[in-house]
């Protein structure tokens, strides 16, 4: 079972993941209203590019925008959650050892195991608070569906199962195989669900940044009204 989920199934998963991201990219670009925007974007490309880069950068910095500063506590949860969600799997020692042993033949620098463990716990705790917020706050609860909760579970499940396997709580082989399956489910879900903001965040922020940088005062001032 381990050989299958870590071999052929894993290769199929990564293929679906990357092809799915390409599809989402093409789908997003084709959905733009080129007739309405192409004149402004083409003639004022310099302001558009500057606006796009500034939009992405400001939203990647904690409290870098008015929106982040308005919900300061939630902003901290979001950045802790996403930082651990992205950094931990990529730089985990065990994952990089598997890469070195695979046909890829090399791995990335690895995080200290204690730090990776702390980030894993931080992701799970942040996810719990995000879930509580969705349930406790009426303005958020009314917009929350079972689909949203399921996506949160899909995102956190690889961390929970990996934590259980790493600390050998219960049956190690069970948690290891489940960890791999949960990771593969998450990768497949990313291109086809709301988790696609993994890539669409950058595209939508670039589009909005170009809009503000050209058509909403960006050519006349250095700041954006967000």
Protein backbone atom coordinates (compact mmCIF):
# COMPACT_ATOMS: atom_id res chain seq x y z
CA UNK A 1 0.00 0.00 0.00
CA UNK A 2 2.79 2.42 0.92
CA UNK A 3 4.62 1.75 -2.35
CA UNK A 4 1.45 2.52 -4.33
CA UNK A 5 0.43 5.76 -2.55
CA UNK A 6 4.01 7.07 -2.52
CA UNK A 7 4.76 5.93 -6.09
CA UNK A 8 2.25 5.80 -8.98
CA UNK A 9 -0.51 7.59 -7.03
CA UNK A 10 1.86 10.37 -5.99
CA UNK A 11 3.08 10.90 -9.56
CA UNK A 12 -0.51 11.03 -10.83
CA UNK A 13 -1.38 13.50 -8.09
CA UNK A 14 1.42 15.91 -8.99
CA UNK A 15 0.49 15.66 -12.66
CA UNK A 16 -3.14 16.55 -11.92
CA UNK A 17 -1.99 19.34 -9.60
CA UNK A 18 0.29 21.05 -12.11
CA UNK A 19 -2.01 20.59 -15.11
CA UNK A 20 -4.91 21.83 -13.00
CA UNK A 21 -3.02 24.99 -12.08
CA UNK A 22 -2.25 25.63 -15.75
CA UNK A 23 -5.94 25.20 -16.55
CA UNK A 24 -6.97 27.64 -13.81
CA UNK A 25 -4.45 30.18 -15.11
CA UNK A 26 -5.78 29.94 -18.66
CA UNK A 27 -9.40 29.98 -17.46
CA UNK A 28 -8.78 33.16 -15.44
CA UNK A 29 -7.01 35.00 -18.27
CA UNK A 30 -9.68 34.05 -20.81
CA UNK A 31 -12.35 35.35 -18.43
CA UNK A 32 -10.95 38.88 -18.39
CA UNK A 33 -12.88 41.57 -20.22
CA UNK A 34 -10.20 42.44 -22.74
CA UNK A 35 -12.44 44.76 -24.76
CA UNK A 36 -13.01 46.99 -21.73
CA UNK A 37 -9.51 46.94 -20.33
CA UNK A 38 -7.03 46.46 -23.15
CA UNK A 39 -6.78 50.16 -24.11
CA UNK A 40 -5.99 51.42 -20.64
CA UNK A 41 -3.71 48.49 -19.82
CA UNK A 42 -1.79 48.72 -23.10
CA UNK A 43 -1.24 52.47 -23.24
CA UNK A 44 -0.38 52.78 -19.55
CA UNK A 45 1.46 49.51 -19.03
CA UNK A 46 4.12 51.06 -16.79
CA UNK A 47 1.57 52.29 -14.26
CA UNK A 48 -0.29 49.00 -14.51
CA UNK A 49 2.77 46.86 -13.77
CA UNK A 50 3.76 49.11 -10.89
CA UNK A 51 0.25 48.89 -9.48
CA UNK A 52 0.15 45.11 -9.87
CA UNK A 53 3.47 44.57 -8.10
CA UNK A 54 2.53 46.96 -5.31
CA UNK A 55 -0.81 45.26 -4.82
CA UNK A 56 0.74 41.80 -4.51
CA UNK A 57 3.57 42.97 -2.24
CA UNK A 58 1.34 44.93 0.13
CA UNK A 59 -1.05 42.02 0.58
CA UNK A 60 1.85 39.63 1.23
CA UNK A 61 3.10 41.79 4.12
CA UNK A 62 1.28 41.42 7.45
CA UNK A 63 -0.69 44.61 8.12
CA UNK A 64 0.55 46.03 4.82
CA UNK A 65 -2.93 47.16 3.76
CA UNK A 66 -5.88 48.89 5.39
CA UNK A 67 -7.85 45.65 5.11
CA UNK A 68 -5.25 43.67 7.04
CA UNK A 69 -4.99 46.35 9.73
CA UNK A 70 -8.77 46.59 10.18
CA UNK A 71 -9.02 42.94 11.26
CA UNK A 72 -5.73 42.74 13.14
CA UNK A 73 -6.43 39.54 15.10
CA UNK A 74 -7.77 37.67 12.09
CA UNK A 75 -4.80 38.88 10.05
CA UNK A 76 -2.40 37.24 12.51
CA UNK A 77 -4.31 33.95 12.22
CA UNK A 78 -4.32 34.11 8.43
CA UNK A 79 -0.59 34.72 8.15
CA UNK A 80 0.34 32.08 10.74
CA UNK A 81 -1.90 29.57 8.99
CA UNK A 82 -0.69 30.26 5.47
CA UNK A 83 2.98 30.59 6.43
CA UNK A 84 2.99 27.19 8.10
CA UNK A 85 0.82 25.71 5.34
CA UNK A 86 3.32 26.69 2.64
CA UNK A 87 6.69 26.56 4.38
CA UNK A 88 6.41 23.37 6.42
CA UNK A 89 5.72 20.82 3.63
CA UNK A 90 8.27 22.36 1.26
CA UNK A 91 11.15 22.44 3.75
CA UNK A 92 10.28 19.43 5.90
CA UNK A 93 13.24 17.11 6.38
CA UNK A 94 11.27 13.93 5.69
CA UNK A 95 9.78 15.29 2.47
CA UNK A 96 13.17 16.38 1.16
CA UNK A 97 14.72 13.03 1.99
CA UNK A 98 12.01 11.41 -0.14
CA UNK A 99 12.82 13.81 -2.97
CA UNK A 100 16.49 12.85 -2.80
CA UNK A 101 15.60 9.16 -2.93
CA UNK A 102 13.19 9.64 -5.85
CA UNK A 103 13.88 10.20 -9.55
CA UNK A 104 14.31 13.93 -8.79
CA UNK A 105 17.52 13.19 -6.90
CA UNK A 106 17.79 16.38 -4.85
CA UNK A 107 16.03 18.19 -2.04
CA UNK A 108 15.70 21.66 -0.58
CA UNK A 109 17.27 22.87 2.68
CA UNK A 110 15.36 21.38 5.60
CA UNK A 111 13.86 23.11 8.62
CA UNK A 112 15.02 22.02 12.08
CA UNK A 113 12.62 19.31 13.18
CA UNK A 114 11.61 21.24 16.31
CA UNK A 115 10.69 24.28 14.20
CA UNK A 116 8.74 22.15 11.72
CA UNK A 117 6.89 20.58 14.64
CA UNK A 118 6.07 24.02 16.06
CA UNK A 119 4.82 25.25 12.69
CA UNK A 120 2.63 22.16 12.35
CA UNK A 121 1.05 22.85 15.72
CA UNK A 122 0.64 26.53 14.80
CA UNK A 123 -1.23 25.59 11.60
CA UNK A 124 -3.62 23.32 13.50
CA UNK A 125 -4.25 25.87 16.26
CA UNK A 126 -4.77 28.69 13.76
CA UNK A 127 -7.18 26.52 11.77
CA UNK A 128 -9.14 25.78 14.94
CA UNK A 129 -9.49 29.49 15.71
CA UNK A 130 -10.50 30.21 12.10
CA UNK A 131 -13.18 27.52 12.41
CA UNK A 132 -14.41 28.95 15.72
CA UNK A 133 -14.55 32.42 14.16
CA UNK A 134 -16.63 31.10 11.28
CA UNK A 135 -19.10 29.55 13.72
CA UNK A 136 -19.14 32.26 16.40
CA UNK A 137 -19.37 35.47 14.35
CA UNK A 138 -22.83 35.92 12.73
CA UNK A 139 -21.58 37.91 9.69
CA UNK A 140 -19.12 35.12 8.90
CA UNK A 141 -21.36 32.23 9.94
CA UNK A 142 -24.11 33.25 7.50
CA UNK A 143 -21.61 32.94 4.62
CA UNK A 144 -20.08 29.67 5.83
CA UNK A 145 -21.16 26.40 4.27
CA UNK A 146 -20.22 22.77 4.81
CA UNK A 147 -18.07 23.14 1.70
CA UNK A 148 -15.94 25.82 3.40
CA UNK A 149 -15.45 23.66 6.48
CA UNK A 150 -14.56 20.66 4.32
CA UNK A 151 -11.85 22.66 2.54
CA UNK A 152 -10.39 23.70 5.91
CA UNK A 153 -10.33 20.06 6.98
CA UNK A 154 -8.65 19.04 3.70
CA UNK A 155 -5.97 21.69 4.23
CA UNK A 156 -5.25 20.72 7.84
CA UNK A 157 -5.56 16.92 7.57
CA UNK A 158 -2.01 16.40 6.19
CA UNK A 159 -0.59 18.31 9.15
CA UNK A 160 -2.62 16.39 11.74
CA UNK A 161 -1.82 12.99 10.23
CA UNK A 162 1.83 13.94 9.75
CA UNK A 163 2.04 15.05 13.38
CA UNK A 164 0.56 11.74 14.53
CA UNK A 165 2.96 9.76 12.35
CA UNK A 166 6.05 11.76 13.33
CA UNK A 167 5.34 11.31 17.04
CA UNK A 168 4.28 7.68 16.46
CA UNK A 169 0.98 8.10 18.27
CA UNK A 170 -0.88 4.87 17.56
CA UNK A 171 -0.11 2.80 14.47
CA UNK A 172 2.74 4.50 12.58
CA UNK A 173 2.07 2.82 9.23
CA UNK A 174 -1.61 3.75 9.39
CA UNK A 175 -0.89 7.43 10.04
CA UNK A 176 1.91 7.52 7.45
CA UNK A 177 -0.27 6.14 4.65
CA UNK A 178 -3.17 8.36 5.71
CA UNK A 179 -0.81 11.35 5.77
CA UNK A 180 0.29 10.68 2.20
CA UNK A 181 -3.31 10.21 1.03
CA UNK A 182 -4.43 13.43 2.75
CA UNK A 183 -1.58 15.34 1.12
CA UNK A 184 -2.54 13.95 -2.27
CA UNK A 185 -6.20 14.83 -1.76
CA UNK A 186 -5.20 18.40 -0.90
CA UNK A 187 -2.99 18.74 -3.99
CA UNK A 188 -5.76 17.44 -6.27
CA UNK A 189 -8.31 19.75 -4.60
CA UNK A 190 -6.24 22.91 -5.03
CA UNK A 191 -6.88 23.56 -8.75
CA UNK A 192 -10.57 22.65 -8.63
CA UNK A 193 -11.83 24.29 -5.42
CA UNK A 194 -11.54 27.56 -3.52
CA UNK A 195 -8.06 26.37 -2.57
CA UNK A 196 -7.11 27.57 -6.06
CA UNK A 197 -6.43 30.97 -4.46
CA UNK A 198 -2.98 29.37 -4.13
CA UNK A 199 -2.43 30.83 -7.62
CA UNK A 200 -5.50 33.03 -8.20
CA UNK A 201 -4.51 35.30 -5.29
CA UNK A 202 -1.57 36.60 -7.30
CA UNK A 203 -3.62 36.97 -10.47
CA UNK A 204 -6.55 38.76 -8.87
CA UNK A 205 -4.30 41.05 -6.82
CA UNK A 206 -2.34 41.90 -9.99
CA UNK A 207 -5.55 42.68 -11.87
CA UNK A 208 -6.93 44.87 -9.06
CA UNK A 209 -3.55 46.55 -8.68
CA UNK A 210 -3.47 47.40 -12.39
CA UNK A 211 -7.00 48.76 -12.13
CA UNK A 212 -6.12 51.03 -9.21
CA UNK A 213 -2.76 51.91 -10.72
CA UNK A 214 -4.27 53.16 -13.98
CA UNK A 215 -7.96 53.95 -13.74
CA UNK A 216 -8.59 54.91 -10.10
CA UNK A 217 -6.12 57.65 -9.36
CA UNK A 218 -2.96 55.57 -9.38
CA UNK A 219 -1.43 57.65 -12.17
CA UNK A 220 -1.90 60.82 -10.13
CA UNK A 221 -0.88 59.68 -6.65
CA UNK A 222 1.42 57.16 -4.95
CA UNK A 223 -1.20 55.62 -2.72
CA UNK A 224 -4.17 53.34 -3.27
CA UNK A 225 -7.57 53.94 -1.63
CA UNK A 226 -7.75 50.57 0.07
